[in-house]
C-alpha atoms as a PDB file:
ATOM      1  CA  MET A   1     -35.445  25.291  32.817  1.00  0.00           C
ATOM      2  CA  GLU A   2     -38.653  27.270  33.532  1.00  0.00           C
ATOM      3  CA  TYR A   3     -39.716  30.332  31.531  1.00  0.00           C
ATOM      4  CA  ALA A   4     -41.326  33.701  31.705  1.00  0.00           C
ATOM      5  CA  THR A   5     -43.886  34.136  28.959  1.00  0.00           C
ATOM      6  CA  LEU A   6     -43.437  37.773  27.777  1.00  0.00           C
ATOM      7  CA  SER A   7     -46.258  40.066  26.788  1.00  0.00           C
ATOM      8  CA  CYS A   8     -45.168  39.653  23.096  1.00  0.00           C
ATOM      9  CA  GLY A   9     -45.628  35.865  23.345  1.00  0.00           C
ATOM     10  CA  GLU A  10     -41.960  34.988  23.478  1.00  0.00           C
ATOM     11  CA  ARG A  11     -40.670  32.621  26.188  1.00  0.00           C
ATOM     12  CA  MET A  12     -37.660  33.801  28.146  1.00  0.00           C
ATOM     13  CA  PRO A  13     -35.608  31.409  30.343  1.00  0.00           C
ATOM     14  CA  LEU A  14     -35.874  32.487  34.008  1.00  0.00           C
ATOM     15  CA  VAL A  15     -32.192  32.016  34.531  1.00  0.00           C
ATOM     16  CA  GLY A  16     -29.818  33.484  31.950  1.00  0.00           C
ATOM     17  CA  TYR A  17     -25.977  34.027  31.795  1.00  0.00           C
ATOM     18  CA  GLY A  18     -24.791  37.609  32.268  1.00  0.00           C
ATOM     19  CA  THR A  19     -21.611  38.699  30.530  1.00  0.00           C
ATOM     20  CA  TYR A  20     -20.770  42.053  32.075  1.00  0.00           C
ATOM     21  CA  GLN A  21     -17.063  42.507  33.015  1.00  0.00           C
ATOM     22  CA  LEU A  22     -15.928  39.168  31.678  1.00  0.00           C
ATOM     23  CA  GLY A  23     -13.330  40.916  29.584  1.00  0.00           C
ATOM     24  CA  GLY A  24     -11.056  38.606  27.630  1.00  0.00           C
ATOM     25  CA  LYS A  25     -12.600  35.587  29.131  1.00  0.00           C
ATOM     26  CA  THR A  26     -16.013  36.194  27.510  1.00  0.00           C
ATOM     27  CA  GLU A  27     -15.825  33.766  24.659  1.00  0.00           C
ATOM     28  CA  ARG A  28     -14.580  30.922  26.889  1.00  0.00           C
ATOM     29  CA  CYS A  29     -17.119  31.574  29.610  1.00  0.00           C
ATOM     30  CA  VAL A  30     -20.083  31.896  27.235  1.00  0.00           C
ATOM     31  CA  ARG A  31     -18.930  28.594  25.528  1.00  0.00           C
ATOM     32  CA  GLU A  32     -18.741  26.922  28.962  1.00  0.00           C
ATOM     33  CA  ALA A  33     -22.158  28.413  29.905  1.00  0.00           C
ATOM     34  CA  LEU A  34     -23.840  27.019  26.736  1.00  0.00           C
ATOM     35  CA  ALA A  35     -22.227  23.646  27.379  1.00  0.00           C
ATOM     36  CA  CYS A  36     -23.632  23.640  30.997  1.00  0.00           C
ATOM     37  CA  GLY A  37     -27.156  24.190  29.684  1.00  0.00           C
ATOM     38  CA  TYR A  38     -27.687  27.970  29.606  1.00  0.00           C
ATOM     39  CA  ARG A  39     -29.836  29.053  26.670  1.00  0.00           C
ATOM     40  CA  SER A  40     -30.244  32.741  27.433  1.00  0.00           C
ATOM     41  CA  ILE A  41     -27.255  35.109  27.042  1.00  0.00           C
ATOM     42  CA  ASP A  42     -27.297  38.759  28.125  1.00  0.00           C
ATOM     43  CA  THR A  43     -24.798  41.204  26.476  1.00  0.00           C
ATOM     44  CA  ALA A  44     -24.709  44.883  25.566  1.00  0.00           C
ATOM     45  CA  GLN A  45     -22.990  47.199  23.061  1.00  0.00           C
ATOM     46  CA  TYR A  46     -21.410  48.942  26.173  1.00  0.00           C
ATOM     47  CA  TYR A  47     -19.758  45.692  27.274  1.00  0.00           C
ATOM     48  CA  GLY A  48     -17.683  45.524  24.137  1.00  0.00           C
ATOM     49  CA  ASN A  49     -18.014  41.678  23.966  1.00  0.00           C
ATOM     50  CA  GLU A  50     -20.780  41.065  21.378  1.00  0.00           C
ATOM     51  CA  ALA A  51     -18.179  39.623  18.945  1.00  0.00           C
ATOM     52  CA  ASP A  52     -16.909  37.267  21.664  1.00  0.00           C
ATOM     53  CA  VAL A  53     -20.372  36.169  22.421  1.00  0.00           C
ATOM     54  CA  GLY A  54     -21.100  35.553  18.727  1.00  0.00           C
ATOM     55  CA  ARG A  55     -18.012  33.467  18.355  1.00  0.00           C
ATOM     56  CA  ALA A  56     -18.951  31.358  21.343  1.00  0.00           C
ATOM     57  CA  ILE A  57     -22.437  30.746  20.162  1.00  0.00           C
ATOM     58  CA  ALA A  58     -21.164  29.799  16.633  1.00  0.00           C
ATOM     59  CA  ALA A  59     -18.638  27.404  18.151  1.00  0.00           C
ATOM     60  CA  SER A  60     -21.172  25.853  20.572  1.00  0.00           C
ATOM     61  CA  GLY A  61     -23.314  24.049  18.010  1.00  0.00           C
ATOM     62  CA  VAL A  62     -26.404  25.026  19.830  1.00  0.00           C
ATOM     63  CA  PRO A  63     -29.142  25.821  17.303  1.00  0.00           C
ATOM     64  CA  ARG A  64     -29.968  29.514  17.061  1.00  0.00           C
ATOM     65  CA  GLU A  65     -33.729  28.793  17.620  1.00  0.00           C
ATOM     66  CA  ASP A  66     -32.846  27.251  20.927  1.00  0.00           C
ATOM     67  CA  LEU A  67     -31.293  30.478  22.223  1.00  0.00           C
ATOM     68  CA  PHE A  68     -32.699  33.628  23.896  1.00  0.00           C
ATOM     69  CA  LEU A  69     -30.245  36.465  22.967  1.00  0.00           C
ATOM     70  CA  THR A  70     -30.308  39.931  24.505  1.00  0.00           C
ATOM     71  CA  THR A  71     -28.302  42.966  23.801  1.00  0.00           C
ATOM     72  CA  LYS A  72     -28.694  46.623  24.770  1.00  0.00           C
ATOM     73  CA  LEU A  73     -28.286  49.938  22.956  1.00  0.00           C
ATOM     74  CA  GLN A  74     -25.399  52.108  24.186  1.00  0.00           C
ATOM     75  CA  SER A  75     -26.455  55.101  22.079  1.00  0.00           C
ATOM     76  CA  GLY A  76     -29.616  56.425  20.434  1.00  0.00           C
ATOM     77  CA  HIS A  77     -27.667  57.541  17.325  1.00  0.00           C
ATOM     78  CA  ASN A  78     -28.886  55.724  14.213  1.00  0.00           C
ATOM     79  CA  VAL A  79     -30.623  52.849  15.964  1.00  0.00           C
ATOM     80  CA  ALA A  80     -31.148  50.725  12.918  1.00  0.00           C
ATOM     81  CA  ALA A  81     -27.574  50.798  11.860  1.00  0.00           C
ATOM     82  CA  SER A  82     -26.326  50.224  15.474  1.00  0.00           C
ATOM     83  CA  VAL A  83     -28.495  47.119  15.772  1.00  0.00           C
ATOM     84  CA  GLU A  84     -27.292  45.836  12.479  1.00  0.00           C
ATOM     85  CA  ALA A  85     -23.765  46.176  13.643  1.00  0.00           C
ATOM     86  CA  SER A  86     -24.744  44.168  16.791  1.00  0.00           C
ATOM     87  CA  LEU A  87     -26.315  41.494  14.655  1.00  0.00           C
ATOM     88  CA  ARG A  88     -23.215  41.070  12.655  1.00  0.00           C
ATOM     89  CA  LYS A  89     -20.980  40.754  15.735  1.00  0.00           C
ATOM     90  CA  LEU A  90     -23.420  38.228  17.277  1.00  0.00           C
ATOM     91  CA  ARG A  91     -23.608  36.254  14.068  1.00  0.00           C
ATOM     92  CA  THR A  92     -27.363  36.242  13.968  1.00  0.00           C
ATOM     93  CA  ASP A  93     -30.181  37.796  11.919  1.00  0.00           C
ATOM     94  CA  TYR A  94     -32.411  38.624  14.843  1.00  0.00           C
ATOM     95  CA  LEU A  95     -32.416  39.472  18.494  1.00  0.00           C
ATOM     96  CA  ASP A  96     -34.813  37.882  20.979  1.00  0.00           C
ATOM     97  CA  LEU A  97     -34.656  40.961  23.130  1.00  0.00           C
ATOM     98  CA  LEU A  98     -33.443  44.513  22.583  1.00  0.00           C
ATOM     99  CA  LEU A  99     -33.162  46.905  25.506  1.00  0.00           C
ATOM    100  CA  ILE A 100     -32.336  50.562  25.894  1.00  0.00           C
ATOM    101  CA  HIS A 101     -29.506  50.364  28.351  1.00  0.00           C
ATOM    102  CA  TRP A 102     -30.266  53.613  30.161  1.00  0.00           C
ATOM    103  CA  PRO A 103     -32.297  56.786  29.676  1.00  0.00           C
ATOM    104  CA  MET A 104     -30.758  58.856  26.870  1.00  0.00           C
ATOM    105  CA  GLY A 105     -32.803  62.048  26.730  1.00  0.00           C
ATOM    106  CA  GLU A 106     -34.612  60.995  23.532  1.00  0.00           C
ATOM    107  CA  SER A 107     -35.704  57.622  24.956  1.00  0.00           C
ATOM    108  CA  LEU A 108     -39.162  57.695  23.380  1.00  0.00           C
ATOM    109  CA  ALA A 109     -37.834  58.375  19.848  1.00  0.00           C
ATOM    110  CA  ILE A 110     -35.242  55.641  20.350  1.00  0.00           C
ATOM    111  CA  TYR A 111     -37.947  53.270  21.557  1.00  0.00           C
ATOM    112  CA  HIS A 112     -40.051  54.068  18.426  1.00  0.00           C
ATOM    113  CA  ALA A 113     -37.077  53.256  16.218  1.00  0.00           C
ATOM    114  CA  MET A 114     -36.772  49.873  18.011  1.00  0.00           C
ATOM    115  CA  GLU A 115     -40.416  49.233  17.436  1.00  0.00           C
ATOM    116  CA  ALA A 116     -39.765  49.574  13.561  1.00  0.00           C
ATOM    117  CA  LEU A 117     -37.152  46.873  14.027  1.00  0.00           C
ATOM    118  CA  VAL A 118     -39.700  44.469  15.481  1.00  0.00           C
ATOM    119  CA  ARG A 119     -41.920  45.119  12.433  1.00  0.00           C
ATOM    120  CA  ARG A 120     -39.008  44.264  10.196  1.00  0.00           C
ATOM    121  CA  GLY A 121     -38.282  41.032  11.994  1.00  0.00           C
ATOM    122  CA  ARG A 122     -34.906  41.961  13.247  1.00  0.00           C
ATOM    123  CA  VAL A 123     -36.019  42.020  16.955  1.00  0.00           C
ATOM    124  CA  ARG A 124     -38.744  39.927  18.654  1.00  0.00           C
ATOM    125  CA  ALA A 125     -39.063  41.592  22.061  1.00  0.00           C
ATOM    126  CA  LEU A 126     -38.331  45.056  23.322  1.00  0.00           C
ATOM    127  CA  GLY A 127     -37.503  46.396  26.766  1.00  0.00           C
ATOM    128  CA  LEU A 128     -35.844  48.931  29.034  1.00  0.00           C
ATOM    129  CA  SER A 129     -32.934  48.816  31.428  1.00  0.00           C
ATOM    130  CA  ASN A 130     -32.321  51.175  34.355  1.00  0.00           C
ATOM    131  CA  PHE A 131     -35.526  53.161  33.727  1.00  0.00           C
ATOM    132  CA  TYR A 132     -37.383  54.603  36.624  1.00  0.00           C
ATOM    133  CA  GLY A 133     -39.926  57.288  37.306  1.00  0.00           C
ATOM    134  CA  HIS A 134     -41.087  59.660  34.583  1.00  0.00           C
ATOM    135  CA  VAL A 135     -38.689  58.311  31.915  1.00  0.00           C
ATOM    136  CA  TYR A 136     -40.277  54.872  32.375  1.00  0.00           C
ATOM    137  CA  ASP A 137     -43.768  56.354  32.518  1.00  0.00           C
ATOM    138  CA  GLU A 138     -43.249  58.190  29.210  1.00  0.00           C
ATOM    139  CA  ILE A 139     -42.467  54.984  27.333  1.00  0.00           C
ATOM    140  CA  ILE A 140     -45.482  53.152  28.949  1.00  0.00           C
ATOM    141  CA  ALA A 141     -47.827  56.110  28.019  1.00  0.00           C
ATOM    142  CA  HIS A 142     -46.767  56.291  24.402  1.00  0.00           C
ATOM    143  CA  TYR A 143     -45.566  52.856  23.128  1.00  0.00           C
ATOM    144  CA  ALA A 144     -47.017  51.109  20.112  1.00  0.00           C
ATOM    145  CA  ILE A 145     -45.398  47.778  21.148  1.00  0.00           C
ATOM    146  CA  CYS A 146     -45.396  47.131  24.927  1.00  0.00           C
ATOM    147  CA  PRO A 147     -42.050  46.701  26.577  1.00  0.00           C
ATOM    148  CA  SER A 148     -41.756  43.045  27.378  1.00  0.00           C
ATOM    149  CA  VAL A 149     -38.941  43.396  30.029  1.00  0.00           C
ATOM    150  CA  ILE A 150     -37.672  45.914  32.425  1.00  0.00           C
ATOM    151  CA  GLN A 151     -34.125  45.135  33.603  1.00  0.00           C
ATOM    152  CA  GLN A 152     -33.174  46.731  36.949  1.00  0.00           C
ATOM    153  CA  GLU A 153     -30.894  46.368  39.791  1.00  0.00           C
ATOM    154  CA  THR A 154     -32.668  43.771  41.980  1.00  0.00           C
ATOM    155  CA  HIS A 155     -31.237  41.862  44.902  1.00  0.00           C
ATOM    156  CA  LEU A 156     -32.178  41.092  48.528  1.00  0.00           C
ATOM    157  CA  TYR A 157     -31.499  44.652  49.562  1.00  0.00           C
ATOM    158  CA  LEU A 158     -33.407  46.214  46.625  1.00  0.00           C
ATOM    159  CA  GLN A 159     -36.269  43.813  45.699  1.00  0.00           C
ATOM    160  CA  ASN A 160     -38.522  46.180  43.737  1.00  0.00           C
ATOM    161  CA  GLN A 161     -41.528  44.665  45.406  1.00  0.00           C
ATOM    162  CA  GLU A 162     -44.049  47.421  44.776  1.00  0.00           C
ATOM    163  CA  ARG A 163     -42.604  47.998  41.287  1.00  0.00           C
ATOM    164  CA  GLN A 164     -42.985  44.279  40.464  1.00  0.00           C
ATOM    165  CA  LYS A 165     -46.736  44.598  41.179  1.00  0.00           C
ATOM    166  CA  ILE A 166     -47.015  47.597  38.782  1.00  0.00           C
ATOM    167  CA  TYR A 167     -44.969  45.757  36.108  1.00  0.00           C
ATOM    168  CA  GLN A 168     -47.198  42.691  36.434  1.00  0.00           C
ATOM    169  CA  ARG A 169     -50.318  44.791  35.874  1.00  0.00           C
ATOM    170  CA  GLN A 170     -48.720  46.379  32.848  1.00  0.00           C
ATOM    171  CA  GLY A 171     -47.607  43.117  31.343  1.00  0.00           C
ATOM    172  CA  VAL A 172     -43.898  43.801  31.915  1.00  0.00           C
ATOM    173  CA  THR A 173     -41.449  41.145  33.142  1.00  0.00           C
ATOM    174  CA  LEU A 174     -38.907  42.198  35.774  1.00  0.00           C
ATOM    175  CA  GLU A 175     -35.326  41.073  35.053  1.00  0.00           C
ATOM    176  CA  ALA A 176     -32.833  41.256  37.843  1.00  0.00           C
ATOM    177  CA  TRP A 177     -29.234  42.397  37.065  1.00  0.00           C
ATOM    178  CA  ALA A 178     -26.760  41.767  39.893  1.00  0.00           C
ATOM    179  CA  PRO A 179     -29.193  39.414  41.784  1.00  0.00           C
ATOM    180  CA  PHE A 180     -26.306  38.705  44.193  1.00  0.00           C
ATOM    181  CA  GLY A 181     -25.411  42.317  44.484  1.00  0.00           C
ATOM    182  CA  GLU A 182     -21.999  41.310  43.179  1.00  0.00           C
ATOM    183  CA  GLY A 183     -21.409  39.812  46.564  1.00  0.00           C
ATOM    184  CA  ARG A 184     -21.385  43.213  48.339  1.00  0.00           C
ATOM    185  CA  GLU A 185     -22.107  43.561  52.022  1.00  0.00           C
ATOM    186  CA  ASN A 186     -21.827  39.880  52.720  1.00  0.00           C
ATOM    187  CA  MET A 187     -25.044  38.956  50.898  1.00  0.00           C
ATOM    188  CA  PHE A 188     -24.039  35.317  50.785  1.00  0.00           C
ATOM    189  CA  ARG A 189     -23.355  35.347  54.547  1.00  0.00           C
ATOM    190  CA  LEU A 190     -26.559  36.816  55.750  1.00  0.00           C
ATOM    191  CA  PRO A 191     -27.684  34.673  58.729  1.00  0.00           C
ATOM    192  CA  LEU A 192     -31.107  34.015  57.147  1.00  0.00           C
ATOM    193  CA  VAL A 193     -29.602  32.946  53.875  1.00  0.00           C
ATOM    194  CA  GLU A 194     -27.092  30.700  55.499  1.00  0.00           C
ATOM    195  CA  GLU A 195     -29.896  29.252  57.662  1.00  0.00           C
ATOM    196  CA  LEU A 196     -32.048  28.509  54.684  1.00  0.00           C
ATOM    197  CA  ALA A 197     -29.045  27.058  52.663  1.00  0.00           C
ATOM    198  CA  ALA A 198     -28.510  24.593  55.478  1.00  0.00           C
ATOM    199  CA  SER A 199     -32.249  23.824  55.808  1.00  0.00           C
ATOM    200  CA  TYR A 200     -32.827  23.115  52.142  1.00  0.00           C
ATOM    201  CA  ARG A 201     -29.374  21.615  51.594  1.00  0.00           C
ATOM    202  CA  ARG A 202     -28.575  24.260  48.969  1.00  0.00           C
ATOM    203  CA  THR A 203     -25.968  26.914  48.538  1.00  0.00           C
ATOM    204  CA  PRO A 204     -26.640  30.556  49.521  1.00  0.00           C
ATOM    205  CA  ALA A 205     -26.468  31.482  45.797  1.00  0.00           C
ATOM    206  CA  GLN A 206     -29.228  28.886  45.085  1.00  0.00           C
ATOM    207  CA  ILE A 207     -31.456  30.277  47.824  1.00  0.00           C
ATOM    208  CA  ILE A 208     -31.107  33.784  46.544  1.00  0.00           C
ATOM    209  CA  LEU A 209     -31.897  32.839  42.870  1.00  0.00           C
ATOM    210  CA  ARG A 210     -34.717  30.600  43.912  1.00  0.00           C
ATOM    211  CA  PHE A 211     -36.294  33.434  45.883  1.00  0.00           C
ATOM    212  CA  PHE A 212     -36.430  35.565  42.638  1.00  0.00           C
ATOM    213  CA  VAL A 213     -37.453  32.935  40.036  1.00  0.00           C
ATOM    214  CA  GLN A 214     -40.131  31.640  42.365  1.00  0.00           C
ATOM    215  CA  GLN A 215     -41.691  35.136  41.912  1.00  0.00           C
ATOM    216  CA  GLY A 216     -41.413  35.026  38.109  1.00  0.00           C
ATOM    217  CA  ILE A 217     -38.346  37.425  38.151  1.00  0.00           C
ATOM    218  CA  VAL A 218     -35.728  36.602  35.410  1.00  0.00           C
ATOM    219  CA  VAL A 219     -32.110  36.462  36.741  1.00  0.00           C
ATOM    220  CA  ILE A 220     -28.881  36.798  34.850  1.00  0.00           C
ATOM    221  CA  PRO A 221     -26.092  35.832  37.311  1.00  0.00           C
ATOM    222  CA  LYS A 222     -22.460  36.114  36.100  1.00  0.00           C
ATOM    223  CA  THR A 223     -19.590  33.774  37.085  1.00  0.00           C
ATOM    224  CA  ARG A 224     -16.430  32.655  35.409  1.00  0.00           C
ATOM    225  CA  HIS A 225     -16.477  29.173  37.040  1.00  0.00           C
ATOM    226  CA  PRO A 226     -18.201  26.228  35.453  1.00  0.00           C
ATOM    227  CA  ASN A 227     -19.102  24.691  38.700  1.00  0.00           C
ATOM    228  CA  ARG A 228     -20.978  27.789  39.781  1.00  0.00           C
ATOM    229  CA  MET A 229     -22.647  28.018  36.398  1.00  0.00           C
ATOM    230  CA  ALA A 230     -24.088  24.624  36.966  1.00  0.00           C
ATOM    231  CA  GLU A 231     -25.061  25.557  40.617  1.00  0.00           C
ATOM    232  CA  ASN A 232     -26.863  28.680  39.455  1.00  0.00           C
ATOM    233  CA  LEU A 233     -29.011  26.621  36.994  1.00  0.00           C
ATOM    234  CA  ALA A 234     -29.927  24.146  39.567  1.00  0.00           C
ATOM    235  CA  VAL A 235     -32.806  26.010  41.198  1.00  0.00           C
ATOM    236  CA  PHE A 236     -35.835  24.405  39.638  1.00  0.00           C
ATOM    237  CA  ASP A 237     -36.029  21.186  41.673  1.00  0.00           C
ATOM    238  CA  PHE A 238     -36.949  22.654  45.035  1.00  0.00           C
ATOM    239  CA  ALA A 239     -39.247  25.510  46.344  1.00  0.00           C
ATOM    240  CA  LEU A 240     -39.084  27.808  49.191  1.00  0.00           C
ATOM    241  CA  SER A 241     -41.947  27.715  51.591  1.00  0.00           C
ATOM    242  CA  ASP A 242     -44.366  30.688  51.777  1.00  0.00           C
ATOM    243  CA  ALA A 243     -43.074  31.490  55.243  1.00  0.00           C
ATOM    244  CA  ASP A 244     -39.470  31.546  54.077  1.00  0.00           C
ATOM    245  CA  MET A 245     -40.379  33.738  51.117  1.00  0.00           C
ATOM    246  CA  ARG A 246     -41.847  36.134  53.540  1.00  0.00           C
ATOM    247  CA  ARG A 247     -38.802  36.103  55.730  1.00  0.00           C
ATOM    248  CA  LEU A 248     -36.559  36.873  52.756  1.00  0.00           C
ATOM    249  CA  LYS A 249     -38.801  39.675  51.622  1.00  0.00           C
ATOM    250  CA  ARG A 250     -38.254  41.312  54.973  1.00  0.00           C
ATOM    251  CA  LEU A 251     -34.531  41.716  54.108  1.00  0.00           C
ATOM    252  CA  ASP A 252     -35.582  44.394  51.544  1.00  0.00           C
ATOM    253  CA  GLN A 253     -34.135  47.832  52.378  1.00  0.00           C
ATOM    254  CA  GLU A 254     -35.193  49.541  49.194  1.00  0.00           C
ATOM    255  CA  ARG A 255     -31.520  50.401  48.894  1.00  0.00           C
ATOM    256  CA  SER A 256     -29.290  50.525  45.807  1.00  0.00           C
ATOM    257  CA  LEU A 257     -25.769  49.211  45.911  1.00  0.00           C
ATOM    258  CA  PHE A 258     -24.814  50.769  42.527  1.00  0.00           C
ATOM    259  CA  GLY A 259     -26.509  54.199  42.476  1.00  0.00           C
ATOM    260  CA  TRP A 260     -29.166  53.374  39.791  1.00  0.00           C
ATOM    261  CA  TYR A 261     -32.257  53.457  42.023  1.00  0.00           C
ATOM    262  CA  GLN A 262     -34.199  56.637  41.822  1.00  0.00           C
END
C-alpha cells in the first residue's frame, strides 16, 4: 500500500474500499475486503450500513490503529450526537475522517461543529464531499482546521484536473468516488484502456486505478467479488509512463455521469 499524507498529518491509504449500495452484503464484503488487505473503509450515515461495517471490523481481528475509517454526515442536525451514534455503530471511539456528505445550507456552521470534534479527539481529519463552487470556497475562507480531503465524482470522463491543482495548493487531497464511473458508458472497454491493459499485462480496472493513484488521488472502488478486491489493490507494483498518463488525461470530458458536477 501507498499513502497520501493529509494536511493534518494523518496517512490515508491511496486505495480504500467503498461500501455504497452493498445492502445486506455489507458485513460479508467488508470482512472479505479486510482479509484481502484493505485498511481503509469508506461508509456514510446515508448508506445505512455503519453497523454492518462495525460488525465486520470487530470480527476481522484487524487492530483499530491499523485502519483508516471514514464516514459522512447525512444531516447537520446536532452534529455531535449524530457522530456519537455513528461511533457506536462502527464500534470505535474515533473516526479517522469525517466528511459532510453534501452541501446542506448551513455547511459552515456544520463544519465548525466538526472542528470541535477534532479538538475533543473524536475525529482526526475533516473533509467535504460533493462540494463545488461557492459552497466549497466558503469553507476554505473560514475554516479553523483545514479540510484534509475533498471527495468528488472523479473518473476518466471527469478527472477534475484543474481542481486537483487548486486542491494541491490548498493542502486538500482529492478522493475519487466512482473511479470506474460504475462501469457506465463502457469505461472498461475504451480502446485506449484496453490497449494499455494489454501492454502492461494488467486489467482495465488496474489501469484506471493506477492512473489516479499515480497522481496522488485516493480511490475507493467498490466490488462484491473477492478476486476483484485483490485486483483493485494490486496497482502499486507498476507505473504508467508519462506518455500514457498524458494519453489518459486526454479522455477527460469534464462531464459528470451522476449529476453532481457543477
